[in-house]
Amino acid sequence: MRIRRIWAELCVKGSALGQTMGTTGRLLQPQINGINCNWPKAINAVAEGLKQTIAQRGPGAVAMYLSGQLLTEDYYVADEK
């Protein structure tokens, strides 16, 4: 069987993905006040902080900036309610 190769160029994000996915210097576990914790606890801490801000200052006090630089997983976490 003959395999045909297709040559194409990756977009800037795709070509740099290998560099961005390295573990050197990355936070690999969530932290609260510099102390490692699990994901549910970290997400709940963020949710509670947002709830407190909204309760104290109103819904206009919270906004999210989402750009094309985020990965699919980041969008998922940002959209969780």
N, C-alpha and C. Protein backbone atom coordinates (compact mmCIF):
# COMPACT_ATOMS: atom_id res chain seq x y z
N MET A 1 0.84 -1.17 0.00
CA MET A 1 0.00 0.00 0.00
C MET A 1 0.90 1.24 0.00
N ARG A 2 0.54 2.18 -0.80
CA ARG A 2 1.30 3.42 -0.91
C ARG A 2 0.61 4.50 -0.08
N ILE A 3 1.38 5.20 0.74
CA ILE A 3 0.85 6.27 1.57
C ILE A 3 1.20 7.60 0.92
N ARG A 4 0.21 8.39 0.69
CA ARG A 4 0.40 9.69 0.09
C ARG A 4 0.59 10.73 1.18
N ARG A 5 1.64 11.50 1.08
CA ARG A 5 1.88 12.55 2.07
C ARG A 5 1.31 13.86 1.57
N ILE A 6 0.68 14.55 2.47
CA ILE A 6 0.15 15.86 2.14
C ILE A 6 0.92 16.87 2.99
N TRP A 7 1.55 17.80 2.34
CA TRP A 7 2.33 18.82 3.04
C TRP A 7 1.48 20.07 3.19
N ALA A 8 1.37 20.53 4.40
CA ALA A 8 0.63 21.76 4.66
C ALA A 8 1.31 22.49 5.81
N GLU A 9 1.06 23.75 5.88
CA GLU A 9 1.62 24.53 6.97
C GLU A 9 0.58 24.68 8.07
N LEU A 10 1.07 24.66 9.29
CA LEU A 10 0.19 24.86 10.43
C LEU A 10 0.05 26.35 10.71
N CYS A 11 -1.05 26.71 11.31
CA CYS A 11 -1.20 28.10 11.74
C CYS A 11 -0.22 28.37 12.87
N VAL A 12 -0.06 29.62 13.23
CA VAL A 12 0.91 29.99 14.26
C VAL A 12 0.63 29.25 15.57
N LYS A 13 -0.62 29.20 15.95
CA LYS A 13 -0.98 28.53 17.21
C LYS A 13 -0.64 27.04 17.13
N GLY A 14 -0.98 26.40 16.03
CA GLY A 14 -0.69 24.98 15.88
C GLY A 14 0.79 24.69 15.83
N SER A 15 1.57 25.54 15.18
CA SER A 15 3.01 25.29 15.07
C SER A 15 3.72 25.49 16.40
N ALA A 16 3.17 26.28 17.31
CA ALA A 16 3.79 26.52 18.61
C ALA A 16 3.19 25.66 19.71
N LEU A 17 2.24 24.81 19.37
CA LEU A 17 1.54 24.03 20.39
C LEU A 17 2.49 23.17 21.21
N GLY A 18 3.48 22.58 20.57
CA GLY A 18 4.45 21.75 21.30
C GLY A 18 5.17 22.52 22.37
N GLN A 19 5.49 23.77 22.11
CA GLN A 19 6.18 24.60 23.11
C GLN A 19 5.25 24.97 24.26
N THR A 20 3.99 25.22 23.95
CA THR A 20 3.06 25.64 24.99
C THR A 20 2.59 24.48 25.86
N MET A 21 2.73 23.27 25.38
CA MET A 21 2.26 22.12 26.13
C MET A 21 3.34 21.52 27.03
N GLY A 22 4.53 22.07 27.02
CA GLY A 22 5.59 21.57 27.89
C GLY A 22 5.26 21.82 29.35
N THR A 23 5.85 21.07 30.24
CA THR A 23 5.52 21.20 31.66
C THR A 23 6.50 22.10 32.43
N THR A 24 7.60 22.46 31.81
CA THR A 24 8.59 23.29 32.51
C THR A 24 8.00 24.64 32.86
N GLY A 25 8.00 24.97 34.13
CA GLY A 25 7.53 26.26 34.59
C GLY A 25 6.02 26.42 34.66
N ARG A 26 5.29 25.35 34.39
CA ARG A 26 3.83 25.42 34.43
C ARG A 26 3.29 24.96 35.77
N LEU A 27 2.20 25.56 36.16
CA LEU A 27 1.48 25.12 37.35
C LEU A 27 0.70 23.88 36.96
N LEU A 28 1.00 22.76 37.57
CA LEU A 28 0.40 21.48 37.17
C LEU A 28 -0.75 21.05 38.06
N GLN A 29 -0.97 21.79 39.12
CA GLN A 29 -2.04 21.46 40.05
C GLN A 29 -2.61 22.77 40.56
N PRO A 30 -3.92 22.85 40.78
CA PRO A 30 -4.49 24.11 41.28
C PRO A 30 -3.98 24.42 42.68
N GLN A 31 -3.96 25.70 42.99
CA GLN A 31 -3.55 26.16 44.31
C GLN A 31 -4.51 27.23 44.80
N ILE A 32 -4.67 27.27 46.11
CA ILE A 32 -5.41 28.35 46.76
C ILE A 32 -4.46 28.95 47.77
N ASN A 33 -4.17 30.23 47.60
CA ASN A 33 -3.20 30.93 48.47
C ASN A 33 -1.87 30.20 48.52
N GLY A 34 -1.42 29.67 47.39
CA GLY A 34 -0.13 29.01 47.31
C GLY A 34 -0.08 27.59 47.82
N ILE A 35 -1.22 27.04 48.22
CA ILE A 35 -1.28 25.68 48.75
C ILE A 35 -1.99 24.79 47.74
N ASN A 36 -1.37 23.67 47.39
CA ASN A 36 -1.98 22.74 46.42
C ASN A 36 -3.33 22.25 46.92
N CYS A 37 -4.26 22.10 45.97
CA CYS A 37 -5.58 21.57 46.30
C CYS A 37 -6.10 20.82 45.07
N ASN A 38 -7.27 20.20 45.19
CA ASN A 38 -7.85 19.48 44.05
C ASN A 38 -8.69 20.44 43.21
N TRP A 39 -9.05 19.99 42.00
CA TRP A 39 -9.80 20.84 41.08
C TRP A 39 -11.17 21.26 41.61
N PRO A 40 -11.96 20.34 42.17
CA PRO A 40 -13.28 20.78 42.67
C PRO A 40 -13.17 21.89 43.72
N LYS A 41 -12.20 21.77 44.61
CA LYS A 41 -12.03 22.80 45.64
C LYS A 41 -11.62 24.13 45.02
N ALA A 42 -10.72 24.10 44.04
CA ALA A 42 -10.27 25.32 43.39
C ALA A 42 -11.41 25.99 42.62
N ILE A 43 -12.17 25.21 41.87
CA ILE A 43 -13.28 25.77 41.09
C ILE A 43 -14.35 26.34 42.02
N ASN A 44 -14.61 25.65 43.12
CA ASN A 44 -15.58 26.17 44.09
C ASN A 44 -15.09 27.47 44.71
N ALA A 45 -13.78 27.59 44.97
CA ALA A 45 -13.23 28.83 45.54
C ALA A 45 -13.41 29.99 44.57
N VAL A 46 -13.18 29.75 43.29
CA VAL A 46 -13.39 30.80 42.28
C VAL A 46 -14.86 31.17 42.21
N ALA A 47 -15.74 30.17 42.19
CA ALA A 47 -17.18 30.43 42.12
C ALA A 47 -17.66 31.24 43.32
N GLU A 48 -17.18 30.88 44.50
CA GLU A 48 -17.58 31.61 45.71
C GLU A 48 -17.07 33.05 45.67
N GLY A 49 -15.84 33.23 45.19
CA GLY A 49 -15.31 34.59 45.07
C GLY A 49 -16.12 35.44 44.11
N LEU A 50 -16.53 34.84 42.99
CA LEU A 50 -17.36 35.58 42.03
C LEU A 50 -18.73 35.89 42.62
N LYS A 51 -19.31 34.93 43.35
CA LYS A 51 -20.62 35.16 43.99
C LYS A 51 -20.53 36.31 44.99
N GLN A 52 -19.46 36.33 45.78
CA GLN A 52 -19.29 37.41 46.77
C GLN A 52 -19.14 38.76 46.08
N THR A 53 -18.37 38.80 45.02
CA THR A 53 -18.19 40.05 44.29
C THR A 53 -19.50 40.55 43.72
N ILE A 54 -20.29 39.65 43.14
CA ILE A 54 -21.59 40.02 42.57
C ILE A 54 -22.53 40.49 43.66
N ALA A 55 -22.53 39.81 44.81
CA ALA A 55 -23.40 40.20 45.92
C ALA A 55 -23.03 41.58 46.46
N GLN A 56 -21.74 41.88 46.53
CA GLN A 56 -21.28 43.15 47.10
C GLN A 56 -21.36 44.30 46.11
N ARG A 57 -21.07 44.04 44.83
CA ARG A 57 -20.91 45.13 43.86
C ARG A 57 -21.84 45.06 42.66
N GLY A 58 -22.64 44.00 42.58
CA GLY A 58 -23.57 43.86 41.47
C GLY A 58 -22.99 43.08 40.31
N PRO A 59 -23.87 42.61 39.41
CA PRO A 59 -23.41 41.74 38.31
C PRO A 59 -22.49 42.44 37.32
N GLY A 60 -22.53 43.77 37.27
CA GLY A 60 -21.65 44.49 36.36
C GLY A 60 -20.20 44.50 36.82
N ALA A 61 -19.94 43.99 38.02
CA ALA A 61 -18.57 43.98 38.55
C ALA A 61 -17.76 42.80 38.05
N VAL A 62 -18.40 41.87 37.36
CA VAL A 62 -17.70 40.67 36.90
C VAL A 62 -17.80 40.58 35.39
N ALA A 63 -16.67 40.38 34.76
CA ALA A 63 -16.63 40.20 33.31
C ALA A 63 -15.54 39.18 33.00
N MET A 64 -15.64 38.56 31.85
CA MET A 64 -14.62 37.61 31.42
C MET A 64 -14.16 37.98 30.03
N TYR A 65 -12.88 37.97 29.83
CA TYR A 65 -12.31 38.19 28.51
C TYR A 65 -11.85 36.84 27.99
N LEU A 66 -12.43 36.40 26.90
CA LEU A 66 -12.05 35.13 26.30
C LEU A 66 -11.52 35.40 24.91
N SER A 67 -10.35 34.89 24.64
CA SER A 67 -9.75 35.13 23.33
C SER A 67 -9.43 33.81 22.66
N GLY A 68 -8.95 33.88 21.46
CA GLY A 68 -8.57 32.70 20.71
C GLY A 68 -7.34 32.02 21.27
N GLN A 69 -6.73 32.62 22.27
CA GLN A 69 -5.53 32.03 22.86
C GLN A 69 -5.86 30.91 23.84
N LEU A 70 -7.11 30.81 24.24
CA LEU A 70 -7.50 29.76 25.19
C LEU A 70 -7.66 28.43 24.47
N LEU A 71 -7.42 27.37 25.20
CA LEU A 71 -7.66 26.03 24.68
C LEU A 71 -9.10 25.63 24.98
N THR A 72 -9.59 24.58 24.37
CA THR A 72 -10.96 24.13 24.55
C THR A 72 -11.27 23.90 26.03
N GLU A 73 -10.33 23.33 26.76
CA GLU A 73 -10.54 23.06 28.18
C GLU A 73 -10.73 24.35 28.96
N ASP A 74 -10.01 25.39 28.58
CA ASP A 74 -10.14 26.68 29.27
C ASP A 74 -11.53 27.26 29.06
N TYR A 75 -12.04 27.18 27.83
CA TYR A 75 -13.39 27.66 27.55
C TYR A 75 -14.42 26.90 28.37
N TYR A 76 -14.22 25.59 28.50
CA TYR A 76 -15.14 24.76 29.26
C TYR A 76 -15.21 25.23 30.71
N VAL A 77 -14.05 25.43 31.32
CA VAL A 77 -14.02 25.85 32.73
C VAL A 77 -14.63 27.23 32.88
N ALA A 78 -14.35 28.14 31.95
CA ALA A 78 -14.90 29.48 32.03
C ALA A 78 -16.41 29.50 31.89
N ASP A 79 -16.96 28.55 31.17
CA ASP A 79 -18.39 28.52 30.91
C ASP A 79 -19.17 27.74 31.97
N GLU A 80 -18.49 27.03 32.87
CA GLU A 80 -19.18 26.25 33.89
C GLU A 80 -19.98 27.18 34.80
N LYS A 81 -21.14 26.74 35.21
CA LYS A 81 -21.98 27.57 36.06
C LYS A 81 -22.15 26.93 37.42
